[in-house]
N, C-alpha and C. Protein backbone atom coordinates (compact mmCIF):
# COMPACT_ATOMS: atom_id res chain seq x y z
N MET A 1 35.87 -38.06 -52.18
CA MET A 1 34.86 -37.47 -51.34
C MET A 1 35.46 -36.29 -50.61
N GLU A 2 34.84 -35.20 -50.79
CA GLU A 2 35.33 -34.01 -50.14
C GLU A 2 34.68 -33.88 -48.78
N GLY A 3 35.43 -33.35 -47.82
CA GLY A 3 34.91 -33.15 -46.46
C GLY A 3 34.03 -31.91 -46.37
N VAL A 4 32.97 -32.03 -45.67
CA VAL A 4 32.07 -30.91 -45.45
C VAL A 4 32.26 -30.45 -44.01
N MET A 5 32.61 -29.20 -43.90
CA MET A 5 32.80 -28.66 -42.55
C MET A 5 31.48 -28.06 -42.08
N SER A 6 31.02 -28.50 -40.96
CA SER A 6 29.79 -27.93 -40.41
C SER A 6 30.00 -27.64 -38.94
N ARG A 7 29.17 -26.81 -38.45
CA ARG A 7 29.29 -26.37 -37.08
C ARG A 7 27.93 -26.49 -36.39
N ALA A 8 27.94 -26.98 -35.22
CA ALA A 8 26.69 -27.06 -34.47
C ALA A 8 26.41 -25.70 -33.84
N LEU A 9 25.23 -25.22 -34.04
CA LEU A 9 24.84 -23.95 -33.44
C LEU A 9 23.98 -24.23 -32.21
N ARG A 10 24.24 -23.47 -31.19
CA ARG A 10 23.45 -23.62 -29.97
C ARG A 10 22.23 -22.72 -30.07
N VAL A 11 21.07 -23.29 -29.91
CA VAL A 11 19.83 -22.53 -29.94
C VAL A 11 19.46 -22.19 -28.51
N LYS A 12 19.40 -20.90 -28.24
CA LYS A 12 19.07 -20.45 -26.89
C LYS A 12 17.58 -20.61 -26.64
N ARG A 13 17.26 -21.33 -25.59
CA ARG A 13 15.86 -21.54 -25.23
C ARG A 13 15.51 -20.64 -24.06
N PRO A 14 14.23 -20.31 -23.95
CA PRO A 14 13.82 -19.47 -22.82
C PRO A 14 14.09 -20.19 -21.49
N GLU A 15 14.46 -19.40 -20.48
CA GLU A 15 14.72 -19.97 -19.16
C GLU A 15 13.43 -20.47 -18.55
N THR A 16 13.52 -21.59 -17.84
CA THR A 16 12.34 -22.15 -17.19
C THR A 16 12.69 -22.59 -15.77
N ILE A 17 11.66 -22.75 -14.98
CA ILE A 17 11.78 -23.33 -13.64
C ILE A 17 10.79 -24.49 -13.61
N ASP A 18 11.29 -25.68 -13.38
CA ASP A 18 10.45 -26.89 -13.40
C ASP A 18 9.67 -26.99 -14.70
N GLY A 19 10.28 -26.57 -15.80
CA GLY A 19 9.64 -26.67 -17.10
C GLY A 19 8.62 -25.59 -17.40
N ILE A 20 8.46 -24.62 -16.48
CA ILE A 20 7.49 -23.53 -16.66
C ILE A 20 8.26 -22.25 -16.93
N ASP A 21 7.75 -21.45 -17.88
CA ASP A 21 8.33 -20.14 -18.17
C ASP A 21 8.49 -19.35 -16.87
N ILE A 22 9.60 -18.63 -16.71
CA ILE A 22 9.88 -17.91 -15.47
C ILE A 22 8.76 -16.93 -15.11
N GLY A 23 8.27 -16.17 -16.08
CA GLY A 23 7.20 -15.22 -15.81
C GLY A 23 5.95 -15.89 -15.27
N GLU A 24 5.59 -17.01 -15.90
CA GLU A 24 4.40 -17.75 -15.45
C GLU A 24 4.62 -18.34 -14.06
N TYR A 25 5.83 -18.83 -13.81
CA TYR A 25 6.16 -19.39 -12.49
C TYR A 25 6.03 -18.31 -11.40
N ILE A 26 6.54 -17.12 -11.68
CA ILE A 26 6.47 -16.02 -10.72
C ILE A 26 5.01 -15.65 -10.45
N ARG A 27 4.20 -15.54 -11.52
CA ARG A 27 2.79 -15.20 -11.35
C ARG A 27 2.05 -16.21 -10.48
N LYS A 28 2.38 -17.49 -10.61
CA LYS A 28 1.67 -18.53 -9.88
C LYS A 28 2.17 -18.76 -8.46
N ASN A 29 3.44 -18.44 -8.20
CA ASN A 29 4.06 -18.89 -6.95
C ASN A 29 4.58 -17.81 -6.01
N THR A 30 4.28 -16.57 -6.26
CA THR A 30 4.77 -15.52 -5.37
C THR A 30 3.60 -14.71 -4.80
N ASP A 31 3.86 -14.06 -3.68
CA ASP A 31 2.83 -13.23 -3.09
C ASP A 31 3.12 -11.76 -3.41
N PRO A 32 2.11 -10.89 -3.28
CA PRO A 32 2.28 -9.48 -3.65
C PRO A 32 3.38 -8.76 -2.88
N ILE A 33 3.59 -9.13 -1.63
CA ILE A 33 4.65 -8.46 -0.85
C ILE A 33 6.02 -8.76 -1.45
N TRP A 34 6.28 -10.02 -1.80
CA TRP A 34 7.56 -10.39 -2.40
C TRP A 34 7.74 -9.66 -3.72
N LEU A 35 6.68 -9.62 -4.55
CA LEU A 35 6.76 -8.92 -5.82
C LEU A 35 7.06 -7.44 -5.62
N HIS A 36 6.42 -6.82 -4.63
CA HIS A 36 6.66 -5.41 -4.34
C HIS A 36 8.11 -5.19 -3.89
N GLN A 37 8.60 -6.05 -3.01
CA GLN A 37 9.96 -5.91 -2.50
C GLN A 37 11.00 -6.03 -3.61
N HIS A 38 10.68 -6.80 -4.65
CA HIS A 38 11.61 -7.00 -5.77
C HIS A 38 11.25 -6.14 -6.98
N GLU A 39 10.39 -5.13 -6.74
CA GLU A 39 9.99 -4.16 -7.76
C GLU A 39 9.49 -4.83 -9.04
N MET A 40 8.70 -5.88 -8.88
CA MET A 40 8.15 -6.63 -10.01
C MET A 40 6.64 -6.39 -10.09
N TRP A 41 6.27 -5.10 -10.12
CA TRP A 41 4.87 -4.71 -10.09
C TRP A 41 4.09 -5.22 -11.29
N GLU A 42 4.77 -5.45 -12.41
CA GLU A 42 4.06 -5.91 -13.60
C GLU A 42 3.44 -7.29 -13.41
N TYR A 43 3.91 -8.05 -12.42
CA TYR A 43 3.36 -9.37 -12.15
C TYR A 43 2.23 -9.35 -11.12
N MET A 44 1.99 -8.21 -10.52
CA MET A 44 0.97 -8.12 -9.48
C MET A 44 -0.41 -7.95 -10.11
N ASP A 45 -1.38 -8.65 -9.53
CA ASP A 45 -2.77 -8.46 -9.96
C ASP A 45 -3.23 -7.11 -9.43
N GLN A 46 -3.80 -6.31 -10.29
CA GLN A 46 -4.28 -5.01 -9.88
C GLN A 46 -5.76 -5.12 -9.51
N PRO A 47 -6.13 -4.64 -8.32
CA PRO A 47 -7.54 -4.70 -7.95
C PRO A 47 -8.39 -3.84 -8.87
N GLU A 48 -9.60 -4.28 -9.07
CA GLU A 48 -10.52 -3.57 -9.95
C GLU A 48 -10.95 -2.23 -9.37
N GLU A 49 -11.10 -2.18 -8.05
CA GLU A 49 -11.63 -0.98 -7.40
C GLU A 49 -10.58 0.11 -7.29
N ARG A 50 -10.95 1.31 -7.68
CA ARG A 50 -10.08 2.47 -7.53
C ARG A 50 -10.40 3.17 -6.22
N VAL A 51 -9.38 3.75 -5.63
CA VAL A 51 -9.59 4.51 -4.39
C VAL A 51 -9.98 5.93 -4.78
N GLU A 52 -11.15 6.33 -4.34
CA GLU A 52 -11.63 7.68 -4.62
C GLU A 52 -12.02 8.33 -3.31
N PHE A 53 -11.67 9.59 -3.16
CA PHE A 53 -12.01 10.34 -1.96
C PHE A 53 -13.31 11.10 -2.20
N HIS A 54 -14.30 10.81 -1.37
CA HIS A 54 -15.57 11.52 -1.39
C HIS A 54 -15.85 11.98 0.03
N TRP A 55 -16.54 13.12 0.14
CA TRP A 55 -16.87 13.65 1.44
C TRP A 55 -17.49 12.57 2.29
N PRO A 56 -17.11 12.37 3.51
CA PRO A 56 -16.37 13.27 4.39
C PRO A 56 -14.85 13.14 4.32
N TRP A 57 -14.34 12.27 3.44
CA TRP A 57 -12.89 12.12 3.31
C TRP A 57 -12.36 13.09 2.27
N THR A 58 -11.22 13.71 2.57
CA THR A 58 -10.55 14.58 1.59
C THR A 58 -9.09 14.17 1.49
N MET A 59 -8.56 14.33 0.31
CA MET A 59 -7.15 14.01 0.09
C MET A 59 -6.28 15.12 0.66
N ILE A 60 -5.20 14.75 1.31
CA ILE A 60 -4.24 15.73 1.82
C ILE A 60 -3.33 16.15 0.67
N PRO A 61 -3.21 17.44 0.42
CA PRO A 61 -2.32 17.89 -0.67
C PRO A 61 -0.90 17.36 -0.47
N LEU A 62 -0.30 16.95 -1.56
CA LEU A 62 1.04 16.35 -1.52
C LEU A 62 2.05 17.25 -0.81
N GLU A 63 1.94 18.55 -1.00
CA GLU A 63 2.90 19.46 -0.37
C GLU A 63 2.75 19.52 1.15
N LEU A 64 1.62 19.07 1.69
CA LEU A 64 1.42 19.04 3.14
C LEU A 64 1.63 17.67 3.76
N SER A 65 1.70 16.64 2.94
CA SER A 65 1.77 15.28 3.48
C SER A 65 3.06 15.04 4.26
N GLY A 66 4.15 15.67 3.87
CA GLY A 66 5.42 15.51 4.59
C GLY A 66 5.32 15.96 6.04
N GLU A 67 4.62 17.08 6.27
CA GLU A 67 4.43 17.56 7.64
C GLU A 67 3.58 16.58 8.45
N TRP A 68 2.52 16.07 7.82
CA TRP A 68 1.67 15.10 8.51
C TRP A 68 2.45 13.82 8.83
N ILE A 69 3.26 13.37 7.90
CA ILE A 69 4.06 12.15 8.12
C ILE A 69 4.94 12.31 9.35
N GLU A 70 5.62 13.43 9.44
CA GLU A 70 6.51 13.66 10.59
C GLU A 70 5.72 13.73 11.90
N GLU A 71 4.56 14.40 11.88
CA GLU A 71 3.74 14.49 13.09
C GLU A 71 3.24 13.12 13.53
N VAL A 72 2.78 12.32 12.57
CA VAL A 72 2.29 10.98 12.91
C VAL A 72 3.42 10.14 13.49
N LYS A 73 4.57 10.16 12.85
CA LYS A 73 5.71 9.36 13.33
C LYS A 73 6.12 9.77 14.75
N LYS A 74 6.12 11.09 15.02
CA LYS A 74 6.49 11.58 16.36
C LYS A 74 5.43 11.21 17.40
N GLY A 75 4.16 11.18 17.00
CA GLY A 75 3.08 11.00 17.95
C GLY A 75 2.63 9.57 18.20
N LEU A 76 3.19 8.60 17.47
CA LEU A 76 2.80 7.21 17.68
C LEU A 76 3.49 6.63 18.90
N GLU A 77 2.75 5.82 19.65
CA GLU A 77 3.34 5.11 20.79
C GLU A 77 4.17 3.94 20.27
N VAL A 78 5.13 3.49 21.07
CA VAL A 78 6.04 2.42 20.67
C VAL A 78 5.29 1.12 20.35
N ASP A 79 4.17 0.86 21.02
CA ASP A 79 3.44 -0.39 20.80
C ASP A 79 2.41 -0.30 19.68
N ASP A 80 2.32 0.84 18.98
CA ASP A 80 1.38 0.99 17.87
C ASP A 80 1.87 0.19 16.66
N LEU A 81 0.92 -0.35 15.91
CA LEU A 81 1.26 -1.17 14.74
C LEU A 81 2.03 -0.41 13.66
N LEU A 82 1.88 0.91 13.60
CA LEU A 82 2.58 1.70 12.59
C LEU A 82 3.91 2.28 13.08
N TYR A 83 4.21 2.10 14.35
CA TYR A 83 5.43 2.68 14.91
C TYR A 83 6.67 2.16 14.16
N GLY A 84 7.52 3.08 13.72
CA GLY A 84 8.77 2.73 13.04
C GLY A 84 8.60 2.30 11.60
N LYS A 85 7.40 2.39 11.06
CA LYS A 85 7.14 1.96 9.68
C LYS A 85 7.32 3.13 8.72
N ASP A 86 7.50 2.80 7.45
CA ASP A 86 7.57 3.78 6.39
C ASP A 86 6.14 4.09 5.97
N ILE A 87 5.66 5.30 6.28
CA ILE A 87 4.24 5.61 6.06
C ILE A 87 4.06 6.81 5.13
N PHE A 88 2.84 6.93 4.63
CA PHE A 88 2.43 8.08 3.83
C PHE A 88 1.02 8.46 4.25
N VAL A 89 0.82 9.72 4.60
CA VAL A 89 -0.50 10.19 5.03
C VAL A 89 -1.21 10.75 3.80
N SER A 90 -2.35 10.15 3.45
CA SER A 90 -2.99 10.52 2.19
C SER A 90 -4.36 11.19 2.33
N GLY A 91 -5.03 11.03 3.48
CA GLY A 91 -6.36 11.61 3.57
C GLY A 91 -6.75 11.98 4.99
N ARG A 92 -7.80 12.79 5.09
CA ARG A 92 -8.33 13.23 6.38
C ARG A 92 -9.84 13.20 6.31
N LYS A 93 -10.46 12.82 7.42
CA LYS A 93 -11.92 12.76 7.47
C LYS A 93 -12.45 14.04 8.11
N ASP A 94 -13.28 14.78 7.37
CA ASP A 94 -13.87 16.01 7.88
C ASP A 94 -14.76 15.72 9.08
N GLY A 95 -14.68 16.58 10.10
CA GLY A 95 -15.53 16.44 11.27
C GLY A 95 -15.07 15.39 12.25
N ASP A 96 -13.94 14.78 12.02
CA ASP A 96 -13.42 13.74 12.90
C ASP A 96 -11.89 13.84 12.86
N ASN A 97 -11.26 13.57 13.96
CA ASN A 97 -9.81 13.67 14.03
C ASN A 97 -9.15 12.35 13.62
N VAL A 98 -9.36 11.97 12.36
CA VAL A 98 -8.74 10.75 11.85
C VAL A 98 -8.07 11.00 10.51
N LEU A 99 -7.03 10.22 10.27
CA LEU A 99 -6.27 10.31 9.02
C LEU A 99 -6.23 8.94 8.36
N LEU A 100 -6.06 8.94 7.05
CA LEU A 100 -5.83 7.72 6.31
C LEU A 100 -4.34 7.61 6.06
N VAL A 101 -3.74 6.51 6.50
CA VAL A 101 -2.29 6.33 6.42
C VAL A 101 -1.98 5.08 5.62
N GLU A 102 -1.08 5.20 4.67
CA GLU A 102 -0.61 4.04 3.90
C GLU A 102 0.68 3.55 4.53
N ASN A 103 0.73 2.27 4.85
CA ASN A 103 1.92 1.66 5.43
C ASN A 103 2.75 1.10 4.28
N ASP A 104 3.75 1.85 3.84
CA ASP A 104 4.57 1.42 2.72
C ASP A 104 5.49 0.26 3.08
N SER A 105 5.64 -0.03 4.37
CA SER A 105 6.50 -1.14 4.79
C SER A 105 5.89 -2.49 4.45
N ASP A 106 4.55 -2.60 4.52
CA ASP A 106 3.94 -3.90 4.23
C ASP A 106 2.74 -3.81 3.28
N GLY A 107 2.45 -2.62 2.75
CA GLY A 107 1.39 -2.48 1.76
C GLY A 107 -0.02 -2.44 2.34
N THR A 108 -0.14 -2.26 3.65
CA THR A 108 -1.46 -2.16 4.25
C THR A 108 -1.85 -0.70 4.42
N TYR A 109 -3.07 -0.48 4.89
CA TYR A 109 -3.60 0.87 5.10
C TYR A 109 -4.17 0.94 6.50
N ALA A 110 -4.21 2.14 7.06
CA ALA A 110 -4.72 2.28 8.43
C ALA A 110 -5.47 3.59 8.58
N ILE A 111 -6.41 3.57 9.51
CA ILE A 111 -7.05 4.80 9.95
C ILE A 111 -6.46 5.09 11.31
N VAL A 112 -5.97 6.31 11.46
CA VAL A 112 -5.26 6.72 12.68
C VAL A 112 -6.02 7.90 13.30
N ARG A 113 -6.29 7.79 14.60
CA ARG A 113 -6.95 8.87 15.33
C ARG A 113 -5.89 9.75 15.96
N TYR A 114 -6.15 11.06 15.99
CA TYR A 114 -5.22 11.96 16.68
C TYR A 114 -5.95 12.79 17.71
N THR A 115 -5.26 13.00 18.82
CA THR A 115 -5.79 13.78 19.94
C THR A 115 -4.66 14.60 20.52
N LYS A 116 -5.03 15.66 21.25
CA LYS A 116 -4.01 16.46 21.94
C LYS A 116 -3.39 15.59 23.02
N ALA A 117 -2.09 15.54 23.05
CA ALA A 117 -1.39 14.73 24.03
C ALA A 117 -1.47 15.38 25.40
N ILE A 118 -1.95 14.63 26.36
CA ILE A 118 -2.05 15.14 27.73
C ILE A 118 -0.71 14.92 28.43
N GLY A 119 -0.20 15.98 29.06
CA GLY A 119 1.06 15.87 29.80
C GLY A 119 2.30 16.05 28.95
N ARG A 120 2.13 16.29 27.66
CA ARG A 120 3.30 16.55 26.81
C ARG A 120 2.88 17.46 25.66
N VAL A 121 3.84 18.06 25.04
CA VAL A 121 3.57 18.96 23.93
C VAL A 121 3.37 18.11 22.67
N GLY A 122 2.41 18.47 21.88
CA GLY A 122 2.22 17.76 20.62
C GLY A 122 0.89 17.03 20.53
N VAL A 123 0.84 16.12 19.58
CA VAL A 123 -0.37 15.39 19.28
C VAL A 123 -0.09 13.90 19.40
N LYS A 124 -1.06 13.16 19.96
CA LYS A 124 -0.93 11.72 20.10
C LYS A 124 -1.69 11.06 18.95
N PHE A 125 -1.09 10.06 18.33
CA PHE A 125 -1.71 9.33 17.23
C PHE A 125 -1.83 7.86 17.62
N SER A 126 -2.94 7.24 17.24
CA SER A 126 -3.11 5.81 17.51
C SER A 126 -3.89 5.16 16.38
N THR A 127 -3.44 3.97 15.98
CA THR A 127 -4.09 3.23 14.91
C THR A 127 -5.40 2.65 15.43
N ILE A 128 -6.49 2.87 14.70
CA ILE A 128 -7.78 2.34 15.14
C ILE A 128 -8.35 1.29 14.19
N GLU A 129 -7.85 1.24 12.95
CA GLU A 129 -8.34 0.25 12.00
C GLU A 129 -7.28 -0.02 10.94
N ILE A 130 -7.11 -1.30 10.56
CA ILE A 130 -6.13 -1.70 9.55
C ILE A 130 -6.87 -2.35 8.38
N PHE A 131 -6.42 -2.05 7.16
CA PHE A 131 -6.97 -2.67 5.95
C PHE A 131 -5.83 -3.36 5.22
N LYS A 132 -6.05 -4.61 4.85
CA LYS A 132 -5.01 -5.40 4.19
C LYS A 132 -4.79 -4.99 2.74
N THR A 133 -5.83 -4.49 2.08
CA THR A 133 -5.72 -4.14 0.66
C THR A 133 -6.34 -2.77 0.38
N SER A 134 -5.98 -2.22 -0.76
CA SER A 134 -6.56 -0.94 -1.17
C SER A 134 -8.05 -1.11 -1.47
N VAL A 135 -8.46 -2.29 -1.88
CA VAL A 135 -9.87 -2.54 -2.15
C VAL A 135 -10.67 -2.42 -0.85
N ASP A 136 -10.16 -3.02 0.24
CA ASP A 136 -10.83 -2.93 1.53
C ASP A 136 -10.91 -1.48 2.01
N MET A 137 -9.81 -0.76 1.82
CA MET A 137 -9.79 0.64 2.23
C MET A 137 -10.76 1.47 1.40
N ALA A 138 -10.82 1.22 0.10
CA ALA A 138 -11.74 1.95 -0.77
C ALA A 138 -13.19 1.69 -0.37
N LYS A 139 -13.49 0.45 0.02
CA LYS A 139 -14.85 0.12 0.48
C LYS A 139 -15.19 0.90 1.75
N LYS A 140 -14.24 1.05 2.65
CA LYS A 140 -14.45 1.81 3.89
C LYS A 140 -14.75 3.28 3.56
N LEU A 141 -13.98 3.87 2.66
CA LEU A 141 -14.20 5.27 2.29
C LEU A 141 -15.58 5.44 1.65
N LYS A 142 -15.95 4.51 0.79
CA LYS A 142 -17.27 4.58 0.15
C LYS A 142 -18.38 4.41 1.18
N GLN A 143 -18.21 3.49 2.12
CA GLN A 143 -19.21 3.27 3.16
C GLN A 143 -19.37 4.52 4.04
N ASP A 144 -18.25 5.15 4.40
CA ASP A 144 -18.32 6.40 5.19
C ASP A 144 -19.07 7.48 4.41
N HIS A 145 -18.81 7.57 3.12
CA HIS A 145 -19.50 8.56 2.28
C HIS A 145 -21.01 8.26 2.25
N ASP A 146 -21.35 7.01 1.98
CA ASP A 146 -22.78 6.64 1.92
C ASP A 146 -23.48 6.88 3.24
N ASP A 147 -22.82 6.52 4.36
CA ASP A 147 -23.42 6.73 5.68
C ASP A 147 -23.64 8.22 5.96
N THR A 148 -22.66 9.04 5.60
CA THR A 148 -22.75 10.48 5.84
C THR A 148 -23.88 11.09 5.00
N VAL A 149 -23.97 10.69 3.75
CA VAL A 149 -25.02 11.23 2.87
C VAL A 149 -26.39 10.79 3.36
N ASN A 150 -26.53 9.53 3.75
CA ASN A 150 -27.83 9.00 4.21
C ASN A 150 -28.26 9.59 5.56
N ASN A 151 -27.30 10.02 6.38
CA ASN A 151 -27.64 10.57 7.69
C ASN A 151 -27.75 12.09 7.69
N SER A 152 -27.60 12.71 6.54
CA SER A 152 -27.67 14.17 6.44
C SER A 152 -29.09 14.66 6.36
């Protein structure tokens, strides 16, 4: 009887957590903020609603947004919800001194009012409304548009 040499091969199986595929586990058990912080956008549910700017809201040109960001950061009071946050100024409402600000620190959106600062040089900014999602913010922009058109 001749000896047969054989070797056991290890079959690599997909990684799992509690018997569930890692991708499926992440989709079921994480929140959007954690996914954003870990740059795992492919696992985030994308809202159906797109953000569109219609009058009275206009988009701020990208080349001007940097100036607005600096002005807003300088003009916010210490107790404002956006103070010290990483923000992006994306829109302005015609006929009203308000801006649309994206809070990149936590993924929320805000409407910020600006006024001439009394007793100091510059402009004062204050948060007047917060939106938890882009869908909520898009609804606000659409409602403002509809109200403006209906009242014209």
